[in-house]
Amino acid sequence: MSQEHPTNPTANPELGRRIRSARAYAGITAQTLAAGMSTDLNALERLEAGIQPLDPAARRTVITIVSQQTGCPEQFFTADFSALDGEEPPESKLDRLERKIDVALAAMDSVVAEAREQMTRGGQQLDRFMGVQGGAEGRMVRMERMLAQLAREHPDFDPA
């Protein structure tokens, strides 16, 4: 939520923008808000510019006073509005990831189905090549001959 000032980690540009917005919403001038905060105009301008350092206790005090002076609830100054700044909420990122996974799984299912189909066609072609009409025993004999021939031609071939 908070963006820190690059050279001053206790400064907060986001809080400054929200103070300025609350003042504009309330329709009061910077001088009026500064007087209501019992501070000078320069200190308020530094706060609104996000360069005024604030420790946590001072930050809470400023938020309480600005809330009272402007009528904006304290949550306005502390809420995380990052989802409104173009960042996706975490659940949207999760939904998008789930959709990508679903697409990948569907593609894999398609590849597996195609591979099964090719194996079936290959098995059918092998059956035709081996001469199905010779029966299972004839096919076994022919397969054993083919394996023996492969073993002779390729000494590193292991039929097991």
C-alpha atoms as a PDB file:
ATOM      1  CA  MET A   1       0.000   0.000   0.000  1.00  0.00           C
ATOM      2  CA  SER A   2       2.467   2.634   1.076  1.00  0.00           C
ATOM      3  CA  GLN A   3       5.098   3.968  -1.223  1.00  0.00           C
ATOM      4  CA  GLU A   4       8.084   5.234   0.650  1.00  0.00           C
ATOM      5  CA  HIS A   5      10.102   8.232  -0.312  1.00  0.00           C
ATOM      6  CA  PRO A   6      13.384   6.968  -1.903  1.00  0.00           C
ATOM      7  CA  THR A   7      15.630   8.987   0.413  1.00  0.00           C
ATOM      8  CA  ASN A   8      13.351   9.146   3.454  1.00  0.00           C
ATOM      9  CA  PRO A   9      11.786   5.826   4.494  1.00  0.00           C
ATOM     10  CA  THR A  10       9.423   7.479   7.010  1.00  0.00           C
ATOM     11  CA  ALA A  11       7.909   9.814   4.389  1.00  0.00           C
ATOM     12  CA  ASN A  12       4.827   8.576   2.572  1.00  0.00           C
ATOM     13  CA  PRO A  13       3.656  10.032  -0.773  1.00  0.00           C
ATOM     14  CA  GLU A  14       0.426   7.972  -0.710  1.00  0.00           C
ATOM     15  CA  LEU A  15      -0.619   9.417   2.656  1.00  0.00           C
ATOM     16  CA  GLY A  16       0.163  12.895   1.314  1.00  0.00           C
ATOM     17  CA  ARG A  17      -2.082  12.331  -1.733  1.00  0.00           C
ATOM     18  CA  ARG A  18      -4.887  11.123   0.510  1.00  0.00           C
ATOM     19  CA  ILE A  19      -4.586  14.129   2.850  1.00  0.00           C
ATOM     20  CA  ARG A  20      -4.732  16.467  -0.166  1.00  0.00           C
ATOM     21  CA  SER A  21      -7.750  14.553  -1.562  1.00  0.00           C
ATOM     22  CA  ALA A  22      -9.559  14.649   1.785  1.00  0.00           C
ATOM     23  CA  ARG A  23      -8.956  18.392   2.056  1.00  0.00           C
ATOM     24  CA  ALA A  24     -10.310  18.918  -1.474  1.00  0.00           C
ATOM     25  CA  TYR A  25     -13.322  16.701  -0.688  1.00  0.00           C
ATOM     26  CA  ALA A  26     -14.056  18.765   2.432  1.00  0.00           C
ATOM     27  CA  GLY A  27     -13.645  21.986   0.440  1.00  0.00           C
ATOM     28  CA  ILE A  28     -11.189  23.548   2.892  1.00  0.00           C
ATOM     29  CA  THR A  29      -7.985  25.396   2.143  1.00  0.00           C
ATOM     30  CA  ALA A  30      -4.526  24.268   3.129  1.00  0.00           C
ATOM     31  CA  GLN A  31      -4.340  27.200   5.575  1.00  0.00           C
ATOM     32  CA  THR A  32      -7.604  26.111   7.266  1.00  0.00           C
ATOM     33  CA  LEU A  33      -6.473  22.495   7.583  1.00  0.00           C
ATOM     34  CA  ALA A  34      -3.030  23.548   8.875  1.00  0.00           C
ATOM     35  CA  ALA A  35      -4.692  25.733  11.518  1.00  0.00           C
ATOM     36  CA  GLY A  36      -7.029  22.860  12.485  1.00  0.00           C
ATOM     37  CA  MET A  37      -3.996  20.601  12.855  1.00  0.00           C
ATOM     38  CA  SER A  38      -2.165  23.224  14.967  1.00  0.00           C
ATOM     39  CA  THR A  39       0.731  23.261  12.504  1.00  0.00           C
ATOM     40  CA  ASP A  40       2.089  25.689   9.953  1.00  0.00           C
ATOM     41  CA  LEU A  41       1.342  25.720   6.237  1.00  0.00           C
ATOM     42  CA  ASN A  42       4.869  24.544   5.320  1.00  0.00           C
ATOM     43  CA  ALA A  43       4.507  21.391   7.456  1.00  0.00           C
ATOM     44  CA  LEU A  44       1.138  20.599   5.825  1.00  0.00           C
ATOM     45  CA  GLU A  45       2.611  21.179   2.361  1.00  0.00           C
ATOM     46  CA  ARG A  46       5.446  18.737   3.193  1.00  0.00           C
ATOM     47  CA  LEU A  47       2.857  16.202   4.399  1.00  0.00           C
ATOM     48  CA  GLU A  48       0.788  16.591   1.226  1.00  0.00           C
ATOM     49  CA  ALA A  49       3.938  16.297  -0.908  1.00  0.00           C
ATOM     50  CA  GLY A  50       4.767  13.056   0.902  1.00  0.00           C
ATOM     51  CA  ILE A  51       8.169  14.237   2.069  1.00  0.00           C
ATOM     52  CA  GLN A  52       7.404  14.967   5.734  1.00  0.00           C
ATOM     53  CA  PRO A  53       8.854  12.158   7.856  1.00  0.00           C
ATOM     54  CA  LEU A  54       6.395  10.634  10.331  1.00  0.00           C
ATOM     55  CA  ASP A  55       6.997   7.948  12.916  1.00  0.00           C
ATOM     56  CA  PRO A  56       4.076   5.524  13.431  1.00  0.00           C
ATOM     57  CA  ALA A  57       2.645   7.434  16.411  1.00  0.00           C
ATOM     58  CA  ALA A  58       2.793  10.780  14.585  1.00  0.00           C
ATOM     59  CA  ARG A  59       1.206   9.163  11.520  1.00  0.00           C
ATOM     60  CA  ARG A  60      -1.744   7.908  13.606  1.00  0.00           C
ATOM     61  CA  THR A  61      -2.159  11.361  15.183  1.00  0.00           C
ATOM     62  CA  VAL A  62      -2.090  13.111  11.786  1.00  0.00           C
ATOM     63  CA  ILE A  63      -4.640  10.662  10.363  1.00  0.00           C
ATOM     64  CA  THR A  64      -6.971  11.174  13.352  1.00  0.00           C
ATOM     65  CA  ILE A  65      -6.790  14.968  13.152  1.00  0.00           C
ATOM     66  CA  VAL A  66      -7.155  15.136   9.342  1.00  0.00           C
ATOM     67  CA  SER A  67     -10.101  12.732   9.578  1.00  0.00           C
ATOM     68  CA  GLN A  68     -11.790  14.978  12.143  1.00  0.00           C
ATOM     69  CA  GLN A  69     -11.068  18.160  10.171  1.00  0.00           C
ATOM     70  CA  THR A  70     -12.193  16.799   6.772  1.00  0.00           C
ATOM     71  CA  GLY A  71     -14.968  14.389   7.741  1.00  0.00           C
ATOM     72  CA  CYS A  72     -13.246  11.515   5.922  1.00  0.00           C
ATOM     73  CA  PRO A  73     -13.093   8.252   7.865  1.00  0.00           C
ATOM     74  CA  GLU A  74      -9.674   7.189   9.142  1.00  0.00           C
ATOM     75  CA  GLN A  75      -9.901   4.052   6.974  1.00  0.00           C
ATOM     76  CA  PHE A  76      -9.607   6.287   3.896  1.00  0.00           C
ATOM     77  CA  PHE A  77      -6.037   7.088   4.935  1.00  0.00           C
ATOM     78  CA  THR A  78      -5.053   3.499   5.788  1.00  0.00           C
ATOM     79  CA  ALA A  79      -6.986   1.318   3.297  1.00  0.00           C
ATOM     80  CA  ASP A  80      -5.144  -0.589   0.578  1.00  0.00           C
ATOM     81  CA  PHE A  81      -6.479   0.698  -2.739  1.00  0.00           C
ATOM     82  CA  SER A  82      -3.858  -1.084  -4.876  1.00  0.00           C
ATOM     83  CA  ALA A  83      -6.576  -3.162  -6.598  1.00  0.00           C
ATOM     84  CA  LEU A  84      -7.987   0.102  -7.942  1.00  0.00           C
ATOM     85  CA  ASP A  85      -4.586   1.164  -9.287  1.00  0.00           C
ATOM     86  CA  GLY A  86      -4.598  -1.488 -12.011  1.00  0.00           C
ATOM     87  CA  GLU A  87      -3.163  -4.347  -9.973  1.00  0.00           C
ATOM     88  CA  GLU A  88      -5.237  -7.506 -10.108  1.00  0.00           C
ATOM     89  CA  PRO A  89      -6.551  -8.841  -6.812  1.00  0.00           C
ATOM     90  CA  PRO A  90      -4.852 -12.134  -5.892  1.00  0.00           C
ATOM     91  CA  GLU A  91      -7.984 -14.173  -6.647  1.00  0.00           C
ATOM     92  CA  SER A  92      -8.022 -12.834 -10.214  1.00  0.00           C
ATOM     93  CA  LYS A  93      -4.420 -13.922 -10.687  1.00  0.00           C
ATOM     94  CA  LEU A  94      -5.353 -17.351  -9.360  1.00  0.00           C
ATOM     95  CA  ASP A  95      -8.331 -17.566 -11.731  1.00  0.00           C
ATOM     96  CA  ARG A  96      -6.097 -16.655 -14.677  1.00  0.00           C
ATOM     97  CA  LEU A  97      -3.540 -19.283 -13.653  1.00  0.00           C
ATOM     98  CA  GLU A  98      -6.283 -21.924 -13.351  1.00  0.00           C
ATOM     99  CA  ARG A  99      -7.498 -21.071 -16.880  1.00  0.00           C
ATOM    100  CA  LYS A 100      -3.948 -21.486 -18.235  1.00  0.00           C
ATOM    101  CA  ILE A 101      -3.642 -24.846 -16.497  1.00  0.00           C
ATOM    102  CA  ASP A 102      -7.008 -25.956 -17.923  1.00  0.00           C
ATOM    103  CA  VAL A 103      -5.885 -25.005 -21.443  1.00  0.00           C
ATOM    104  CA  ALA A 104      -2.590 -26.878 -20.992  1.00  0.00           C
ATOM    105  CA  LEU A 105      -4.388 -29.975 -19.680  1.00  0.00           C
ATOM    106  CA  ALA A 106      -6.820 -29.910 -22.601  1.00  0.00           C
ATOM    107  CA  ALA A 107      -3.889 -29.700 -25.024  1.00  0.00           C
ATOM    108  CA  MET A 108      -2.188 -32.617 -23.274  1.00  0.00           C
ATOM    109  CA  ASP A 109      -5.405 -34.668 -23.445  1.00  0.00           C
ATOM    110  CA  SER A 110      -5.525 -34.012 -27.165  1.00  0.00           C
ATOM    111  CA  VAL A 111      -1.911 -35.134 -27.632  1.00  0.00           C
ATOM    112  CA  VAL A 112      -2.494 -38.295 -25.584  1.00  0.00           C
ATOM    113  CA  ALA A 113      -5.648 -39.134 -27.582  1.00  0.00           C
ATOM    114  CA  GLU A 114      -3.763 -38.656 -30.854  1.00  0.00           C
ATOM    115  CA  ALA A 115      -0.894 -40.858 -29.629  1.00  0.00           C
ATOM    116  CA  ARG A 116      -3.348 -43.594 -28.628  1.00  0.00           C
ATOM    117  CA  GLU A 117      -5.004 -43.409 -32.025  1.00  0.00           C
ATOM    118  CA  GLN A 118      -1.641 -43.685 -33.791  1.00  0.00           C
ATOM    119  CA  MET A 119      -0.672 -46.658 -31.640  1.00  0.00           C
ATOM    120  CA  THR A 120      -3.962 -48.375 -32.478  1.00  0.00           C
ATOM    121  CA  ARG A 121      -3.451 -47.748 -36.195  1.00  0.00           C
ATOM    122  CA  GLY A 122       0.137 -48.954 -35.899  1.00  0.00           C
ATOM    123  CA  GLY A 123      -0.976 -52.124 -34.137  1.00  0.00           C
ATOM    124  CA  GLN A 124      -3.565 -52.752 -36.832  1.00  0.00           C
ATOM    125  CA  GLN A 125      -0.959 -52.235 -39.537  1.00  0.00           C
ATOM    126  CA  LEU A 126       1.420 -54.582 -37.728  1.00  0.00           C
ATOM    127  CA  ASP A 127      -1.304 -57.199 -37.512  1.00  0.00           C
ATOM    128  CA  ARG A 128      -1.911 -56.907 -41.251  1.00  0.00           C
ATOM    129  CA  PHE A 129       1.822 -57.027 -41.941  1.00  0.00           C
ATOM    130  CA  MET A 130       2.289 -60.110 -39.799  1.00  0.00           C
ATOM    131  CA  GLY A 131      -0.559 -61.865 -41.529  1.00  0.00           C
ATOM    132  CA  VAL A 132      -3.364 -62.109 -39.038  1.00  0.00           C
ATOM    133  CA  GLN A 133      -4.839 -64.960 -41.071  1.00  0.00           C
ATOM    134  CA  GLY A 134      -1.958 -67.179 -39.884  1.00  0.00           C
ATOM    135  CA  GLY A 135      -3.293 -67.060 -36.318  1.00  0.00           C
ATOM    136  CA  ALA A 136      -1.637 -66.051 -33.075  1.00  0.00           C
ATOM    137  CA  GLU A 137       0.939 -68.855 -33.176  1.00  0.00           C
ATOM    138  CA  GLY A 138       2.054 -67.870 -36.656  1.00  0.00           C
ATOM    139  CA  ARG A 139       2.423 -64.255 -35.549  1.00  0.00           C
ATOM    140  CA  MET A 140       4.516 -65.334 -32.545  1.00  0.00           C
ATOM    141  CA  VAL A 141       6.873 -67.323 -34.752  1.00  0.00           C
ATOM    142  CA  ARG A 142       7.240 -64.431 -37.184  1.00  0.00           C
ATOM    143  CA  MET A 143       7.841 -61.953 -34.296  1.00  0.00           C
ATOM    144  CA  GLU A 144      10.530 -64.232 -32.830  1.00  0.00           C
ATOM    145  CA  ARG A 145      12.237 -64.394 -36.230  1.00  0.00           C
ATOM    146  CA  MET A 146      12.090 -60.606 -36.553  1.00  0.00           C
ATOM    147  CA  LEU A 147      13.552 -60.157 -33.061  1.00  0.00           C
ATOM    148  CA  ALA A 148      16.338 -62.623 -33.834  1.00  0.00           C
ATOM    149  CA  GLN A 149      17.103 -60.786 -37.062  1.00  0.00           C
ATOM    150  CA  LEU A 150      17.174 -57.430 -35.240  1.00  0.00           C
ATOM    151  CA  ALA A 151      19.525 -58.921 -32.634  1.00  0.00           C
ATOM    152  CA  ARG A 152      21.885 -60.135 -35.395  1.00  0.00           C
ATOM    153  CA  GLU A 153      21.836 -56.827 -37.231  1.00  0.00           C
ATOM    154  CA  HIS A 154      22.127 -54.721 -34.085  1.00  0.00           C
ATOM    155  CA  PRO A 155      24.278 -56.425 -31.423  1.00  0.00           C
ATOM    156  CA  ASP A 156      23.335 -53.775 -28.823  1.00  0.00           C
ATOM    157  CA  PHE A 157      19.617 -54.519 -29.292  1.00  0.00           C
ATOM    158  CA  ASP A 158      18.061 -56.123 -26.207  1.00  0.00           C
ATOM    159  CA  PRO A 159      14.619 -57.648 -26.944  1.00  0.00           C
ATOM    160  CA  ALA A 160      13.799 -57.997 -23.256  1.00  0.00           C
END
